[in-house]
Amino acid sequence: MRVVIADDAVLIREGLAGLLAELGIETVAQVGDAAELLRAAALHQPDVAIIDIRMPPTWTDEGVQAALELRAAQPEIGILLLSQHLDLAAAVALGRAGHTGVGYLLKERVAGAGELAGSLERIATGQSVWDPEVVSGLLRRGPADKLGLLTARERDVLARMAEGRSNVAIARQLVVTERTVESHVSSILDKLDLNPDGDDHRRVLAVRTWLVPPT
């Protein structure tokens, strides 16, 4: 796998690149601002771009805006927002930009290089990965549209689906059987009126419905 790292802190860029190199992930470019990110992505065509939310010149949402531009210009590149800040507006913006190959993780909550590498692998293959803190923050916004039809437990299951967890992992975390989780997932998909055109695709659409509120 090939990645571009966009972060204004040189030590963080180099540290990430070193950790990923140990796991066989190549960093094809390290950049410090949004403009450099877009140029590097166009030049190197990475599998995933790892992007900090706050970068020069204002250190507000330059990373988010660059991620949106990158998704519009090169939708085949996966996007991982990796930040120390919980920004629900950034999460929603990323969700609106596309429901496949995206993720948002908080730096201090990534347990290690192996966990980060696993998240990058999922994003590179078109899956979505959301930090539990991001999921919890979005969940506290309250139900929107059809999501109000879901039970509390179904919302718990959907939140964990948004974290990229399998039915087996969800069952383990909620201390229920896998069959119980399968039942909840089926109910979620039915209540959200998602047609049975492939379980994986419907799971992604369910997460997108939950993540992105109506405009």
Protein backbone atom coordinates (compact mmCIF):
# COMPACT_ATOMS: atom_id res chain seq x y z
CA MET A 1 0.00 0.00 0.00
CA ARG A 2 1.11 3.55 -0.76
CA VAL A 3 0.13 6.59 1.29
CA VAL A 4 0.60 10.35 1.41
CA ILE A 5 0.84 11.96 4.85
CA ALA A 6 -0.37 15.56 5.23
CA ASP A 7 0.38 17.12 8.63
CA ASP A 8 1.99 20.44 9.53
CA ALA A 9 4.12 18.78 12.24
CA VAL A 10 7.31 17.31 10.77
CA LEU A 11 7.88 14.95 13.69
CA ILE A 12 4.38 13.48 13.38
CA ARG A 13 4.80 12.98 9.64
CA GLU A 14 8.14 11.26 10.05
CA GLY A 15 6.95 9.22 12.99
CA LEU A 16 3.92 7.94 11.08
CA ALA A 17 6.02 7.15 8.02
CA GLY A 18 8.50 5.20 10.14
CA LEU A 19 5.81 3.18 11.89
CA LEU A 20 4.04 2.35 8.65
CA ALA A 21 7.31 1.40 6.93
CA GLU A 22 7.84 -1.29 9.56
CA LEU A 23 4.54 -2.81 8.42
CA GLY A 24 5.35 -2.63 4.72
CA ILE A 25 3.31 0.48 3.95
CA GLU A 26 5.16 2.94 1.72
CA THR A 27 4.89 6.68 2.30
CA VAL A 28 5.31 8.21 -1.15
CA ALA A 29 5.14 11.83 0.07
CA GLN A 30 5.07 13.87 3.29
CA VAL A 31 3.54 17.33 3.03
CA GLY A 32 2.77 20.19 5.39
CA ASP A 33 -0.20 21.97 3.84
CA ALA A 34 -3.29 21.47 1.70
CA ALA A 35 -1.84 22.71 -1.57
CA GLU A 36 1.13 20.35 -1.30
CA LEU A 37 -1.24 17.49 -0.52
CA LEU A 38 -3.24 17.98 -3.71
CA ARG A 39 -0.06 18.20 -5.80
CA ALA A 40 1.42 15.09 -4.17
CA ALA A 41 -1.78 13.09 -4.65
CA ALA A 42 -1.96 13.99 -8.32
CA LEU A 43 1.70 13.10 -8.82
CA HIS A 44 1.94 9.87 -6.81
CA GLN A 45 -1.59 8.43 -6.99
CA PRO A 46 -1.51 6.90 -3.47
CA ASP A 47 -3.98 4.35 -2.19
CA VAL A 48 -4.81 6.48 0.87
CA ALA A 49 -4.17 10.06 1.96
CA ILE A 50 -3.69 10.57 5.72
CA ILE A 51 -4.76 14.13 6.46
CA ASP A 52 -4.70 16.29 9.58
CA ILE A 53 -7.76 18.53 9.94
CA ARG A 54 -5.94 21.70 10.98
CA MET A 55 -3.11 22.89 8.75
CA PRO A 56 -1.61 26.20 7.60
CA PRO A 57 -2.33 28.98 7.07
CA THR A 58 -5.22 29.34 9.56
CA TRP A 59 -5.06 25.94 11.31
CA THR A 60 -8.84 25.58 11.16
CA ASP A 61 -10.33 23.30 8.50
CA GLU A 62 -7.76 23.37 5.69
CA GLY A 63 -7.31 19.61 5.93
CA VAL A 64 -11.04 18.97 5.61
CA GLN A 65 -11.33 21.25 2.60
CA ALA A 66 -8.34 19.56 0.98
CA ALA A 67 -9.91 16.16 1.63
CA LEU A 68 -13.12 17.27 -0.08
CA GLU A 69 -11.18 18.62 -3.06
CA LEU A 70 -9.19 15.41 -3.28
CA ARG A 71 -12.32 13.25 -3.15
CA ALA A 72 -13.89 15.30 -5.95
CA ALA A 73 -10.76 15.20 -8.13
CA GLN A 74 -9.56 11.65 -7.39
CA PRO A 75 -12.39 9.61 -5.83
CA GLU A 76 -10.36 6.42 -6.10
CA ILE A 77 -8.00 7.61 -3.33
CA GLY A 78 -9.03 6.65 0.19
CA ILE A 79 -9.13 9.42 2.77
CA LEU A 80 -8.29 9.17 6.47
CA LEU A 81 -8.69 12.25 8.63
CA LEU A 82 -6.25 11.74 11.50
CA SER A 83 -6.53 14.50 14.07
CA GLN A 84 -6.23 15.24 17.76
CA HIS A 85 -9.46 17.25 17.51
CA LEU A 86 -13.04 15.93 17.55
CA ASP A 87 -14.82 17.92 14.84
CA LEU A 88 -18.31 16.65 14.06
CA ALA A 89 -18.72 19.13 11.21
CA ALA A 90 -15.64 17.62 9.57
CA ALA A 91 -17.06 14.12 9.99
CA VAL A 92 -20.36 15.11 8.39
CA ALA A 93 -18.57 16.90 5.54
CA LEU A 94 -16.49 13.81 4.85
CA GLY A 95 -19.59 11.65 4.98
CA ARG A 96 -21.32 13.85 2.45
CA ALA A 97 -18.31 13.60 0.14
CA GLY A 98 -18.58 9.82 -0.12
CA HIS A 99 -19.54 6.76 1.86
CA THR A 100 -16.73 4.45 0.73
CA GLY A 101 -13.02 4.59 1.40
CA VAL A 102 -13.15 7.23 4.13
CA GLY A 103 -12.34 7.40 7.82
CA TYR A 104 -11.80 9.68 10.79
CA LEU A 105 -9.58 8.66 13.71
CA LEU A 106 -8.33 10.58 16.74
CA LYS A 107 -4.55 10.45 17.12
CA GLU A 108 -4.46 9.77 20.85
CA ARG A 109 -6.92 6.89 20.53
CA VAL A 110 -5.02 4.89 17.91
CA ALA A 111 -3.57 2.03 19.91
CA GLY A 112 -0.58 1.40 17.67
CA ALA A 113 0.82 0.99 14.19
CA GLY A 114 -1.02 -2.29 13.68
CA GLU A 115 -4.39 -0.72 14.37
CA LEU A 116 -3.61 2.20 12.07
CA ALA A 117 -2.44 -0.15 9.34
CA GLY A 118 -5.65 -2.17 9.64
CA SER A 119 -7.73 0.98 9.30
CA LEU A 120 -5.76 2.02 6.22
CA GLU A 121 -6.27 -1.42 4.67
CA ARG A 122 -10.04 -1.16 5.17
CA ILE A 123 -10.18 2.36 3.74
CA ALA A 124 -8.04 1.33 0.75
CA THR A 125 -10.53 -1.45 -0.03
CA GLY A 126 -13.52 0.90 0.04
CA GLN A 127 -14.67 0.49 3.62
CA SER A 128 -15.30 3.26 6.17
CA VAL A 129 -13.64 3.57 9.57
CA TRP A 130 -14.85 5.97 12.28
CA ASP A 131 -13.35 6.51 15.71
CA PRO A 132 -15.76 5.54 18.52
CA GLU A 133 -15.54 9.09 19.90
CA VAL A 134 -16.62 10.47 16.53
CA VAL A 135 -19.46 7.95 16.41
CA SER A 136 -20.57 8.83 19.95
CA GLY A 137 -20.54 12.53 19.14
CA LEU A 138 -22.67 12.01 16.05
CA LEU A 139 -25.02 9.76 17.97
CA ARG A 140 -25.66 12.50 20.53
CA ARG A 141 -27.09 14.71 17.79
CA GLY A 142 -30.29 12.72 18.10
CA PRO A 143 -32.32 10.81 15.48
CA ALA A 144 -32.86 12.18 12.01
CA ASP A 145 -35.62 11.15 9.62
CA LYS A 146 -35.91 7.34 9.43
CA LEU A 147 -33.25 6.87 12.09
CA GLY A 148 -35.90 7.80 14.63
CA LEU A 149 -37.52 4.43 13.87
CA LEU A 150 -34.53 2.52 15.25
CA THR A 151 -34.51 1.14 18.77
CA ALA A 152 -31.74 2.11 21.19
CA ARG A 153 -30.02 -1.25 20.65
CA GLU A 154 -30.30 -0.95 16.88
CA ARG A 155 -28.65 2.46 17.10
CA ASP A 156 -25.88 0.88 19.18
CA VAL A 157 -25.36 -1.74 16.48
CA LEU A 158 -25.42 0.86 13.69
CA ALA A 159 -22.86 2.98 15.55
CA ARG A 160 -20.52 0.01 15.74
CA MET A 161 -21.10 -0.72 12.07
CA ALA A 162 -19.88 2.84 11.47
CA GLU A 163 -16.70 1.98 13.38
CA GLY A 164 -16.07 -0.71 10.76
CA ARG A 165 -16.80 -3.65 13.05
CA SER A 166 -18.01 -7.03 11.79
CA ASN A 167 -21.05 -8.81 13.21
CA VAL A 168 -18.74 -11.06 15.23
CA ALA A 169 -16.94 -8.07 16.74
CA ILE A 170 -20.22 -6.28 17.49
CA ALA A 171 -21.59 -9.37 19.21
CA ARG A 172 -18.46 -9.65 21.34
CA GLN A 173 -18.58 -5.99 22.32
CA LEU A 174 -22.30 -5.97 23.17
CA VAL A 175 -22.11 -9.40 24.84
CA VAL A 176 -24.82 -10.93 22.66
CA THR A 177 -24.88 -13.73 20.11
CA GLU A 178 -23.89 -13.22 16.50
CA ARG A 179 -27.39 -14.27 15.47
CA THR A 180 -28.83 -11.48 17.63
CA VAL A 181 -26.59 -8.96 15.87
CA GLU A 182 -27.62 -10.34 12.48
CA SER A 183 -31.25 -9.83 13.48
CA HIS A 184 -30.58 -6.24 14.51
CA VAL A 185 -28.70 -5.52 11.27
CA SER A 186 -31.54 -6.97 9.21
CA SER A 187 -34.05 -4.82 11.09
CA ILE A 188 -31.90 -1.71 10.61
CA LEU A 189 -31.63 -2.27 6.87
CA ASP A 190 -35.38 -2.87 6.57
CA LYS A 191 -36.31 0.24 8.59
CA LEU A 192 -34.00 2.37 6.45
CA ASP A 193 -35.65 0.97 3.29
CA LEU A 194 -32.37 -0.30 1.86
CA ASN A 195 -32.98 -2.77 -0.96
CA PRO A 196 -31.32 -6.21 -0.71
CA ASP A 197 -28.67 -5.66 -3.40
CA GLY A 198 -25.77 -7.04 -1.39
CA ASP A 199 -25.26 -7.08 2.39
CA ASP A 200 -21.93 -5.24 2.31
CA HIS A 201 -23.32 -2.46 0.14
CA ARG A 202 -26.42 -2.10 2.33
CA ARG A 203 -24.27 -1.86 5.45
CA VAL A 204 -22.32 0.99 3.88
CA LEU A 205 -25.54 2.78 2.88
CA ALA A 206 -26.95 2.31 6.39
CA VAL A 207 -23.87 3.92 7.91
CA ARG A 208 -24.09 6.79 5.41
CA THR A 209 -27.76 7.33 6.28
CA TRP A 210 -26.84 7.55 9.95
CA LEU A 211 -23.74 9.67 9.45
CA VAL A 212 -25.10 12.28 7.06
CA PRO A 213 -28.18 14.19 8.30
CA PRO A 214 -30.78 15.45 5.82
CA THR A 215 -30.02 18.83 4.26
